[in-house]
């Protein structure tokens, strides 16, 4: 009699793969968001960083005026947007999912 045994990846391997995939995705997400962010002297983009916890990736801009610029500011030049993260997600969200998927597959 022939048989087959499926040996799934270990939990630690899955967690390591997820950490690698999320690191790559959060770096790309931040880059894409900053592409559309208001730009004057570059200090807002320079203050940006991304974090991930569990299945969430959060991007932050620490300049005091970033919340104002997000909701009510005036885009500084052509190609910048209010709520620039939402604009980036509408343009690149599918790519971000692909980065996560590829990262998981490659690491496993």
Protein backbone atom coordinates (compact mmCIF):
# COMPACT_ATOMS: atom_id res chain seq x y z
CA UNK A 1 0.00 0.00 0.00
CA UNK A 2 1.27 3.45 -0.90
CA UNK A 3 0.78 6.40 1.33
CA UNK A 4 1.51 10.06 1.61
CA UNK A 5 2.44 12.18 4.59
CA UNK A 6 2.18 15.95 4.46
CA UNK A 7 4.80 17.63 6.60
CA UNK A 8 3.72 21.28 7.00
CA UNK A 9 6.23 23.98 7.90
CA UNK A 10 6.93 24.36 11.58
CA UNK A 11 5.30 27.25 13.41
CA UNK A 12 8.67 28.92 13.97
CA UNK A 13 9.42 28.73 10.24
CA UNK A 14 6.06 30.32 9.41
CA UNK A 15 6.67 33.13 11.93
CA UNK A 16 10.15 33.76 10.50
CA UNK A 17 8.77 33.82 6.96
CA UNK A 18 6.02 36.24 7.99
CA UNK A 19 8.55 38.55 9.66
CA UNK A 20 10.68 38.62 6.49
CA UNK A 21 7.64 39.24 4.26
CA UNK A 22 6.22 41.96 6.50
CA UNK A 23 9.58 43.74 6.68
CA UNK A 24 9.78 43.90 2.88
CA UNK A 25 6.15 44.99 2.57
CA UNK A 26 6.33 47.73 5.19
CA UNK A 27 9.42 49.25 3.57
CA UNK A 28 7.68 49.32 0.16
CA UNK A 29 4.43 50.65 1.63
CA UNK A 30 6.25 53.53 3.32
CA UNK A 31 8.17 54.31 0.12
CA UNK A 32 4.97 54.33 -1.92
CA UNK A 33 3.13 56.50 0.61
CA UNK A 34 5.96 59.00 0.73
CA UNK A 35 5.86 59.26 -3.07
CA UNK A 36 2.47 61.02 -2.74
CA UNK A 37 3.16 62.89 0.53
CA UNK A 38 3.34 66.63 0.75
CA UNK A 39 6.88 67.81 0.18
CA UNK A 40 8.30 71.17 1.10
CA UNK A 41 11.70 70.80 2.74
CA UNK A 42 11.59 67.02 3.11
CA UNK A 43 11.28 67.01 6.88
CA UNK A 44 7.93 65.22 6.90
CA UNK A 45 9.15 62.40 4.68
CA UNK A 46 12.33 62.22 6.76
CA UNK A 47 10.21 61.78 9.90
CA UNK A 48 8.28 58.83 8.50
CA UNK A 49 8.57 55.26 9.67
CA UNK A 50 6.57 52.04 9.45
CA UNK A 51 5.81 49.44 12.10
CA UNK A 52 4.17 46.06 11.98
CA UNK A 53 2.47 44.05 14.66
CA UNK A 54 0.56 40.91 13.96
CA UNK A 55 -1.17 41.32 10.63
CA UNK A 56 -1.08 45.14 10.59
CA UNK A 57 1.38 47.55 9.03
CA UNK A 58 1.18 51.15 10.19
CA UNK A 59 2.92 54.15 8.65
CA UNK A 60 3.61 57.24 10.74
CA UNK A 61 4.82 60.78 10.08
CA UNK A 62 6.09 62.54 13.20
CA UNK A 63 6.19 66.14 12.03
CA UNK A 64 3.69 68.23 14.02
CA UNK A 65 2.00 69.43 10.83
CA UNK A 66 1.58 65.97 9.29
CA UNK A 67 -1.98 65.49 10.61
CA UNK A 68 -2.95 68.91 9.26
CA UNK A 69 -1.34 68.12 5.92
CA UNK A 70 -3.10 64.72 5.80
CA UNK A 71 -6.60 66.10 6.34
CA UNK A 72 -6.70 69.75 5.33
CA UNK A 73 -3.38 70.90 3.95
CA UNK A 74 -2.70 72.00 0.43
CA UNK A 75 -0.72 69.60 -1.73
CA UNK A 76 2.70 71.16 -2.19
CA UNK A 77 3.18 70.29 -5.85
CA UNK A 78 1.68 68.26 -8.64
CA UNK A 79 1.61 64.59 -7.75
CA UNK A 80 1.11 65.06 -4.01
CA UNK A 81 -2.20 64.35 -2.28
CA UNK A 82 -4.05 64.82 0.96
CA UNK A 83 -4.42 61.42 2.67
CA UNK A 84 -1.41 60.28 0.65
CA UNK A 85 -1.42 56.81 2.23
CA UNK A 86 -4.90 56.16 0.90
CA UNK A 87 -3.82 57.34 -2.55
CA UNK A 88 -0.81 55.02 -2.41
CA UNK A 89 -3.00 52.10 -1.33
CA UNK A 90 -5.41 52.70 -4.21
CA UNK A 91 -2.47 52.69 -6.65
CA UNK A 92 -0.22 50.00 -5.14
CA UNK A 93 -2.32 47.93 -2.71
CA UNK A 94 -2.30 44.92 -5.02
CA UNK A 95 1.47 45.13 -5.30
CA UNK A 96 1.77 45.17 -1.51
CA UNK A 97 -0.25 41.94 -1.31
CA UNK A 98 2.01 40.42 -3.96
CA UNK A 99 5.11 41.40 -1.93
CA UNK A 100 3.68 39.68 1.14
CA UNK A 101 2.71 36.58 -0.79
CA UNK A 102 6.05 36.31 -2.56
CA UNK A 103 7.95 36.92 0.67
CA UNK A 104 6.08 34.13 2.43
CA UNK A 105 6.51 31.71 -0.46
CA UNK A 106 10.20 32.47 -0.87
CA UNK A 107 10.92 32.12 2.84
CA UNK A 108 9.11 28.79 3.13
